[in-house]
Amino acid sequence: ISCAGVHIGNVFGNRFERYAAIFGGIVL
């Protein structure tokens, strides 16, 4: 997931950062 994060950040920018943390919190 971290490897994918670097690639996603490199390509798409920071649009997903906040949503990923919220999703992780909800999952836990």
PDB file of all heavy atoms in Angstrom:
ATOM      1  N   ILE A   1       0.836  -1.204   0.000  1.00  0.00           N
ATOM      2  CA  ILE A   1       0.000   0.000   0.000  1.00  0.00           C
ATOM      3  C   ILE A   1       0.870   1.253   0.000  1.00  0.00           C
ATOM      4  O   ILE A   1       0.535   2.248  -0.655  1.00  0.00           O
ATOM      5  CB  ILE A   1      -0.996  -0.041   1.181  1.00  0.00           C
ATOM      6  CG1 ILE A   1      -2.087  -1.080   0.868  1.00  0.00           C
ATOM      7  CG2 ILE A   1      -1.601   1.325   1.460  1.00  0.00           C
ATOM      8  CD1 ILE A   1      -3.100  -1.298   1.963  1.00  0.00           C
ATOM      9  N   SER A   2       2.006   1.220   0.696  1.00  0.00           N
ATOM     10  CA  SER A   2       2.917   2.368   0.700  1.00  0.00           C
ATOM     11  C   SER A   2       3.548   2.570  -0.678  1.00  0.00           C
ATOM     12  O   SER A   2       3.679   3.711  -1.144  1.00  0.00           O
ATOM     13  CB  SER A   2       4.007   2.195   1.755  1.00  0.00           C
ATOM     14  OG  SER A   2       3.448   2.173   3.043  1.00  0.00           O
ATOM     15  N   CYS A   3       3.946   1.476  -1.309  1.00  0.00           N
ATOM     16  CA  CYS A   3       4.492   1.578  -2.675  1.00  0.00           C
ATOM     17  C   CYS A   3       3.458   2.209  -3.602  1.00  0.00           C
ATOM     18  O   CYS A   3       3.776   3.112  -4.381  1.00  0.00           O
ATOM     19  CB  CYS A   3       4.886   0.200  -3.203  1.00  0.00           C
ATOM     20  SG  CYS A   3       6.367  -0.501  -2.469  1.00  0.00           S
ATOM     21  N   ALA A   4       2.232   1.739  -3.493  1.00  0.00           N
ATOM     22  CA  ALA A   4       1.158   2.302  -4.317  1.00  0.00           C
ATOM     23  C   ALA A   4       0.940   3.771  -3.991  1.00  0.00           C
ATOM     24  O   ALA A   4       0.694   4.588  -4.892  1.00  0.00           O
ATOM     25  CB  ALA A   4      -0.129   1.505  -4.107  1.00  0.00           C
ATOM     26  N   GLY A   5       1.045   4.129  -2.707  1.00  0.00           N
ATOM     27  CA  GLY A   5       0.858   5.516  -2.297  1.00  0.00           C
ATOM     28  C   GLY A   5       1.861   6.458  -2.941  1.00  0.00           C
ATOM     29  O   GLY A   5       1.508   7.564  -3.369  1.00  0.00           O
ATOM     30  N   VAL A   6       3.122   6.036  -3.005  1.00  0.00           N
ATOM     31  CA  VAL A   6       4.145   6.862  -3.643  1.00  0.00           C
ATOM     32  C   VAL A   6       3.790   7.076  -5.112  1.00  0.00           C
ATOM     33  O   VAL A   6       3.845   8.197  -5.628  1.00  0.00           O
ATOM     34  CB  VAL A   6       5.561   6.248  -3.492  1.00  0.00           C
ATOM     35  CG1 VAL A   6       6.580   7.009  -4.331  1.00  0.00           C
ATOM     36  CG2 VAL A   6       5.981   6.230  -2.029  1.00  0.00           C
ATOM     37  N   HIS A   7       3.394   6.012  -5.792  1.00  0.00           N
ATOM     38  CA  HIS A   7       3.030   6.119  -7.213  1.00  0.00           C
ATOM     39  C   HIS A   7       1.792   6.994  -7.400  1.00  0.00           C
ATOM     40  O   HIS A   7       1.755   7.828  -8.300  1.00  0.00           O
ATOM     41  CB  HIS A   7       2.809   4.736  -7.818  1.00  0.00           C
ATOM     42  CG  HIS A   7       4.074   3.990  -8.056  1.00  0.00           C
ATOM     43  ND1 HIS A   7       4.944   4.289  -9.077  1.00  0.00           N
ATOM     44  CD2 HIS A   7       4.641   2.962  -7.379  1.00  0.00           C
ATOM     45  CE1 HIS A   7       5.983   3.470  -9.035  1.00  0.00           C
ATOM     46  NE2 HIS A   7       5.832   2.662  -8.007  1.00  0.00           N
ATOM     47  N   ILE A   8       0.802   6.803  -6.553  1.00  0.00           N
ATOM     48  CA  ILE A   8      -0.426   7.597  -6.661  1.00  0.00           C
ATOM     49  C   ILE A   8      -0.119   9.069  -6.409  1.00  0.00           C
ATOM     50  O   ILE A   8      -0.594   9.944  -7.142  1.00  0.00           O
ATOM     51  CB  ILE A   8      -1.505   7.073  -5.689  1.00  0.00           C
ATOM     52  CG1 ILE A   8      -2.020   5.734  -6.197  1.00  0.00           C
ATOM     53  CG2 ILE A   8      -2.650   8.068  -5.530  1.00  0.00           C
ATOM     54  CD1 ILE A   8      -2.903   4.981  -5.211  1.00  0.00           C
ATOM     55  N   GLY A   9       0.664   9.345  -5.381  1.00  0.00           N
ATOM     56  CA  GLY A   9       1.047  10.728  -5.106  1.00  0.00           C
ATOM     57  C   GLY A   9       1.817  11.346  -6.255  1.00  0.00           C
ATOM     58  O   GLY A   9       1.620  12.511  -6.596  1.00  0.00           O
ATOM     59  N   ASN A  10       2.679  10.556  -6.868  1.00  0.00           N
ATOM     60  CA  ASN A  10       3.482  11.039  -7.984  1.00  0.00           C
ATOM     61  C   ASN A  10       2.611  11.354  -9.195  1.00  0.00           C
ATOM     62  O   ASN A  10       2.872  12.298  -9.922  1.00  0.00           O
ATOM     63  CB  ASN A  10       4.535   9.985  -8.330  1.00  0.00           C
ATOM     64  CG  ASN A  10       5.559  10.485  -9.307  1.00  0.00           C
ATOM     65  OD1 ASN A  10       5.509  10.163 -10.476  1.00  0.00           O
ATOM     66  ND2 ASN A  10       6.499  11.283  -8.815  1.00  0.00           N
ATOM     67  N   VAL A  11       1.540  10.586  -9.385  1.00  0.00           N
ATOM     68  CA  VAL A  11       0.699  10.755 -10.564  1.00  0.00           C
ATOM     69  C   VAL A  11      -0.490  11.682 -10.311  1.00  0.00           C
ATOM     70  O   VAL A  11      -0.777  12.580 -11.088  1.00  0.00           O
ATOM     71  CB  VAL A  11       0.191   9.376 -11.068  1.00  0.00           C
ATOM     72  CG1 VAL A  11      -0.809   9.529 -12.192  1.00  0.00           C
ATOM     73  CG2 VAL A  11       1.362   8.514 -11.512  1.00  0.00           C
ATOM     74  N   PHE A  12      -1.191  11.474  -9.201  1.00  0.00           N
ATOM     75  CA  PHE A  12      -2.471  12.145  -9.006  1.00  0.00           C
ATOM     76  C   PHE A  12      -2.468  13.295  -8.013  1.00  0.00           C
ATOM     77  O   PHE A  12      -3.433  14.037  -7.927  1.00  0.00           O
ATOM     78  CB  PHE A  12      -3.531  11.139  -8.542  1.00  0.00           C
ATOM     79  CG  PHE A  12      -3.857  10.113  -9.571  1.00  0.00           C
ATOM     80  CD1 PHE A  12      -3.436   8.810  -9.419  1.00  0.00           C
ATOM     81  CD2 PHE A  12      -4.570  10.463 -10.696  1.00  0.00           C
ATOM     82  CE1 PHE A  12      -3.736   7.862 -10.370  1.00  0.00           C
ATOM     83  CE2 PHE A  12      -4.871   9.516 -11.657  1.00  0.00           C
ATOM     84  CZ  PHE A  12      -4.454   8.209 -11.497  1.00  0.00           C
ATOM     85  N   GLY A  13      -1.461  13.405  -7.191  1.00  0.00           N
ATOM     86  CA  GLY A  13      -1.452  14.489  -6.220  1.00  0.00           C
ATOM     87  C   GLY A  13      -2.074  14.104  -4.905  1.00  0.00           C
ATOM     88  O   GLY A  13      -2.299  12.930  -4.616  1.00  0.00           O
ATOM     89  N   ASN A  14      -2.419  15.095  -4.103  1.00  0.00           N
ATOM     90  CA  ASN A  14      -2.843  14.842  -2.723  1.00  0.00           C
ATOM     91  C   ASN A  14      -4.351  14.734  -2.541  1.00  0.00           C
ATOM     92  O   ASN A  14      -4.845  14.870  -1.435  1.00  0.00           O
ATOM     93  CB  ASN A  14      -2.263  15.909  -1.798  1.00  0.00           C
ATOM     94  CG  ASN A  14      -2.747  17.301  -2.144  1.00  0.00           C
ATOM     95  OD1 ASN A  14      -3.538  17.485  -3.055  1.00  0.00           O
ATOM     96  ND2 ASN A  14      -2.246  18.275  -1.425  1.00  0.00           N
ATOM     97  N   ARG A  15      -5.098  14.458  -3.575  1.00  0.00           N
ATOM     98  CA  ARG A  15      -6.554  14.349  -3.460  1.00  0.00           C
ATOM     99  C   ARG A  15      -7.007  13.207  -2.568  1.00  0.00           C
ATOM    100  O   ARG A  15      -8.082  13.275  -1.986  1.00  0.00           O
ATOM    101  CB  ARG A  15      -7.179  14.176  -4.838  1.00  0.00           C
ATOM    102  CG  ARG A  15      -7.162  15.446  -5.654  1.00  0.00           C
ATOM    103  CD  ARG A  15      -7.777  15.183  -6.975  1.00  0.00           C
ATOM    104  NE  ARG A  15      -6.656  15.061  -7.903  1.00  0.00           N
ATOM    105  CZ  ARG A  15      -6.749  14.707  -9.151  1.00  0.00           C
ATOM    106  NH1 ARG A  15      -7.911  14.407  -9.662  1.00  0.00           N
ATOM    107  NH2 ARG A  15      -5.697  14.632  -9.912  1.00  0.00           N
ATOM    108  N   PHE A  16      -6.233  12.134  -2.454  1.00  0.00           N
ATOM    109  CA  PHE A  16      -6.672  10.938  -1.737  1.00  0.00           C
ATOM    110  C   PHE A  16      -6.151  10.839  -0.311  1.00  0.00           C
ATOM    111  O   PHE A  16      -6.588   9.981   0.438  1.00  0.00           O
ATOM    112  CB  PHE A  16      -6.242   9.679  -2.498  1.00  0.00           C
ATOM    113  CG  PHE A  16      -6.784   9.625  -3.890  1.00  0.00           C
ATOM    114  CD1 PHE A  16      -5.934   9.750  -4.970  1.00  0.00           C
ATOM    115  CD2 PHE A  16      -8.131   9.470  -4.110  1.00  0.00           C
ATOM    116  CE1 PHE A  16      -6.421   9.701  -6.259  1.00  0.00           C
ATOM    117  CE2 PHE A  16      -8.632   9.425  -5.400  1.00  0.00           C
ATOM    118  CZ  PHE A  16      -7.776   9.538  -6.478  1.00  0.00           C
ATOM    119  N   GLU A  17      -5.206  11.669   0.063  1.00  0.00           N
ATOM    120  CA  GLU A  17      -4.530  11.539   1.361  1.00  0.00           C
ATOM    121  C   GLU A  17      -5.515  11.564   2.524  1.00  0.00           C
ATOM    122  O   GLU A  17      -5.523  10.679   3.376  1.00  0.00           O
ATOM    123  CB  GLU A  17      -3.511  12.661   1.499  1.00  0.00           C
ATOM    124  CG  GLU A  17      -2.795  12.673   2.818  1.00  0.00           C
ATOM    125  CD  GLU A  17      -1.865  13.860   2.932  1.00  0.00           C
ATOM    126  OE1 GLU A  17      -1.804  14.704   2.021  1.00  0.00           O
ATOM    127  OE2 GLU A  17      -1.193  13.934   3.964  1.00  0.00           O
ATOM    128  N   ARG A  18      -6.357  12.552   2.603  1.00  0.00           N
ATOM    129  CA  ARG A  18      -7.304  12.702   3.708  1.00  0.00           C
ATOM    130  C   ARG A  18      -8.314  11.552   3.724  1.00  0.00           C
ATOM    131  O   ARG A  18      -8.630  10.995   4.759  1.00  0.00           O
ATOM    132  CB  ARG A  18      -8.018  14.041   3.599  1.00  0.00           C
ATOM    133  CG  ARG A  18      -9.026  14.258   4.704  1.00  0.00           C
ATOM    134  CD  ARG A  18      -9.586  15.632   4.657  1.00  0.00           C
ATOM    135  NE  ARG A  18      -8.527  16.534   5.110  1.00  0.00           N
ATOM    136  CZ  ARG A  18      -8.654  17.831   5.221  1.00  0.00           C
ATOM    137  NH1 ARG A  18      -9.776  18.406   4.892  1.00  0.00           N
ATOM    138  NH2 ARG A  18      -7.665  18.565   5.661  1.00  0.00           N
ATOM    139  N   TYR A  19      -8.802  11.177   2.543  1.00  0.00           N
ATOM    140  CA  TYR A  19      -9.803  10.106   2.459  1.00  0.00           C
ATOM    141  C   TYR A  19      -9.232   8.760   2.894  1.00  0.00           C
ATOM    142  O   TYR A  19      -9.931   7.947   3.491  1.00  0.00           O
ATOM    143  CB  TYR A  19     -10.372  10.017   1.048  1.00  0.00           C
ATOM    144  CG  TYR A  19     -11.059  11.292   0.625  1.00  0.00           C
ATOM    145  CD1 TYR A  19     -10.537  12.063  -0.403  1.00  0.00           C
ATOM    146  CD2 TYR A  19     -12.204  11.742   1.282  1.00  0.00           C
ATOM    147  CE1 TYR A  19     -11.154  13.247  -0.786  1.00  0.00           C
ATOM    148  CE2 TYR A  19     -12.825  12.917   0.905  1.00  0.00           C
ATOM    149  CZ  TYR A  19     -12.302  13.666  -0.128  1.00  0.00           C
ATOM    150  OH  TYR A  19     -12.911  14.827  -0.501  1.00  0.00           O
ATOM    151  N   ALA A  20      -7.963   8.530   2.589  1.00  0.00           N
ATOM    152  CA  ALA A  20      -7.323   7.273   2.994  1.00  0.00           C
ATOM    153  C   ALA A  20      -7.263   7.156   4.506  1.00  0.00           C
ATOM    154  O   ALA A  20      -7.543   6.095   5.072  1.00  0.00           O
ATOM    155  CB  ALA A  20      -5.914   7.177   2.399  1.00  0.00           C
ATOM    156  N   ALA A  21      -6.906   8.231   5.183  1.00  0.00           N
ATOM    157  CA  ALA A  21      -6.818   8.198   6.648  1.00  0.00           C
ATOM    158  C   ALA A  21      -8.211   8.030   7.262  1.00  0.00           C
ATOM    159  O   ALA A  21      -8.380   7.288   8.235  1.00  0.00           O
ATOM    160  CB  ALA A  21      -6.149   9.468   7.161  1.00  0.00           C
ATOM    161  N   ILE A  22      -9.212   8.703   6.718  1.00  0.00           N
ATOM    162  CA  ILE A  22     -10.582   8.549   7.223  1.00  0.00           C
ATOM    163  C   ILE A  22     -11.054   7.117   7.017  1.00  0.00           C
ATOM    164  O   ILE A  22     -11.626   6.497   7.919  1.00  0.00           O
ATOM    165  CB  ILE A  22     -11.528   9.564   6.545  1.00  0.00           C
ATOM    166  CG1 ILE A  22     -11.182  10.989   6.987  1.00  0.00           C
ATOM    167  CG2 ILE A  22     -12.990   9.241   6.838  1.00  0.00           C
ATOM    168  CD1 ILE A  22     -11.891  12.082   6.206  1.00  0.00           C
ATOM    169  N   PHE A  23     -10.803   6.567   5.826  1.00  0.00           N
ATOM    170  CA  PHE A  23     -11.188   5.188   5.534  1.00  0.00           C
ATOM    171  C   PHE A  23     -10.513   4.219   6.506  1.00  0.00           C
ATOM    172  O   PHE A  23     -11.160   3.321   7.049  1.00  0.00           O
ATOM    173  CB  PHE A  23     -10.813   4.832   4.087  1.00  0.00           C
ATOM    174  CG  PHE A  23     -11.051   3.392   3.742  1.00  0.00           C
ATOM    175  CD1 PHE A  23     -12.325   2.906   3.545  1.00  0.00           C
ATOM    176  CD2 PHE A  23      -9.978   2.517   3.620  1.00  0.00           C
ATOM    177  CE1 PHE A  23     -12.537   1.574   3.234  1.00  0.00           C
ATOM    178  CE2 PHE A  23     -10.181   1.182   3.300  1.00  0.00           C
ATOM    179  CZ  PHE A  23     -11.468   0.711   3.109  1.00  0.00           C
ATOM    180  N   GLY A  24      -9.225   4.404   6.742  1.00  0.00           N
ATOM    181  CA  GLY A  24      -8.498   3.527   7.669  1.00  0.00           C
ATOM    182  C   GLY A  24      -9.077   3.593   9.071  1.00  0.00           C
ATOM    183  O   GLY A  24      -9.233   2.567   9.739  1.00  0.00           O
ATOM    184  N   GLY A  25      -9.422   4.791   9.539  1.00  0.00           N
ATOM    185  CA  GLY A  25     -10.032   4.947  10.861  1.00  0.00           C
ATOM    186  C   GLY A  25     -11.372   4.243  10.957  1.00  0.00           C
ATOM    187  O   GLY A  25     -11.668   3.547  11.935  1.00  0.00           O
ATOM    188  N   ILE A  26     -12.202   4.391   9.928  1.00  0.00           N
ATOM    189  CA  ILE A  26     -13.513   3.735   9.913  1.00  0.00           C
ATOM    190  C   ILE A  26     -13.362   2.218   9.911  1.00  0.00           C
ATOM    191  O   ILE A  26     -14.086   1.511  10.627  1.00  0.00           O
ATOM    192  CB  ILE A  26     -14.347   4.226   8.711  1.00  0.00           C
ATOM    193  CG1 ILE A  26     -14.740   5.699   8.915  1.00  0.00           C
ATOM    194  CG2 ILE A  26     -15.588   3.361   8.503  1.00  0.00           C
ATOM    195  CD1 ILE A  26     -15.348   6.352   7.687  1.00  0.00           C
ATOM    196  N   VAL A  27     -12.407   1.713   9.132  1.00  0.00           N
ATOM    197  CA  VAL A  27     -12.175   0.266   9.081  1.00  0.00           C
ATOM    198  C   VAL A  27     -11.794  -0.264  10.464  1.00  0.00           C
ATOM    199  O   VAL A  27     -12.327  -1.281  10.926  1.00  0.00           O
ATOM    200  CB  VAL A  27     -11.082  -0.086   8.035  1.00  0.00           C
ATOM    201  CG1 VAL A  27     -10.578  -1.507   8.207  1.00  0.00           C
ATOM    202  CG2 VAL A  27     -11.625   0.114   6.629  1.00  0.00           C
ATOM    203  N   LEU A  28     -10.896   0.421  11.160  1.00  0.00           N
ATOM    204  CA  LEU A  28     -10.473  -0.043  12.488  1.00  0.00           C
ATOM    205  C   LEU A  28     -11.634  -0.019  13.488  1.00  0.00           C
ATOM    206  O   LEU A  28     -11.797  -0.954  14.282  1.00  0.00           O
ATOM    207  CB  LEU A  28      -9.301   0.783  13.003  1.00  0.00           C
ATOM    208  CG  LEU A  28      -7.980   0.567  12.262  1.00  0.00           C
ATOM    209  CD1 LEU A  28      -6.914   1.495  12.801  1.00  0.00           C
ATOM    210  CD2 LEU A  28      -7.526  -0.875  12.345  1.00  0.00           C
TER     211      LEU A  28
END
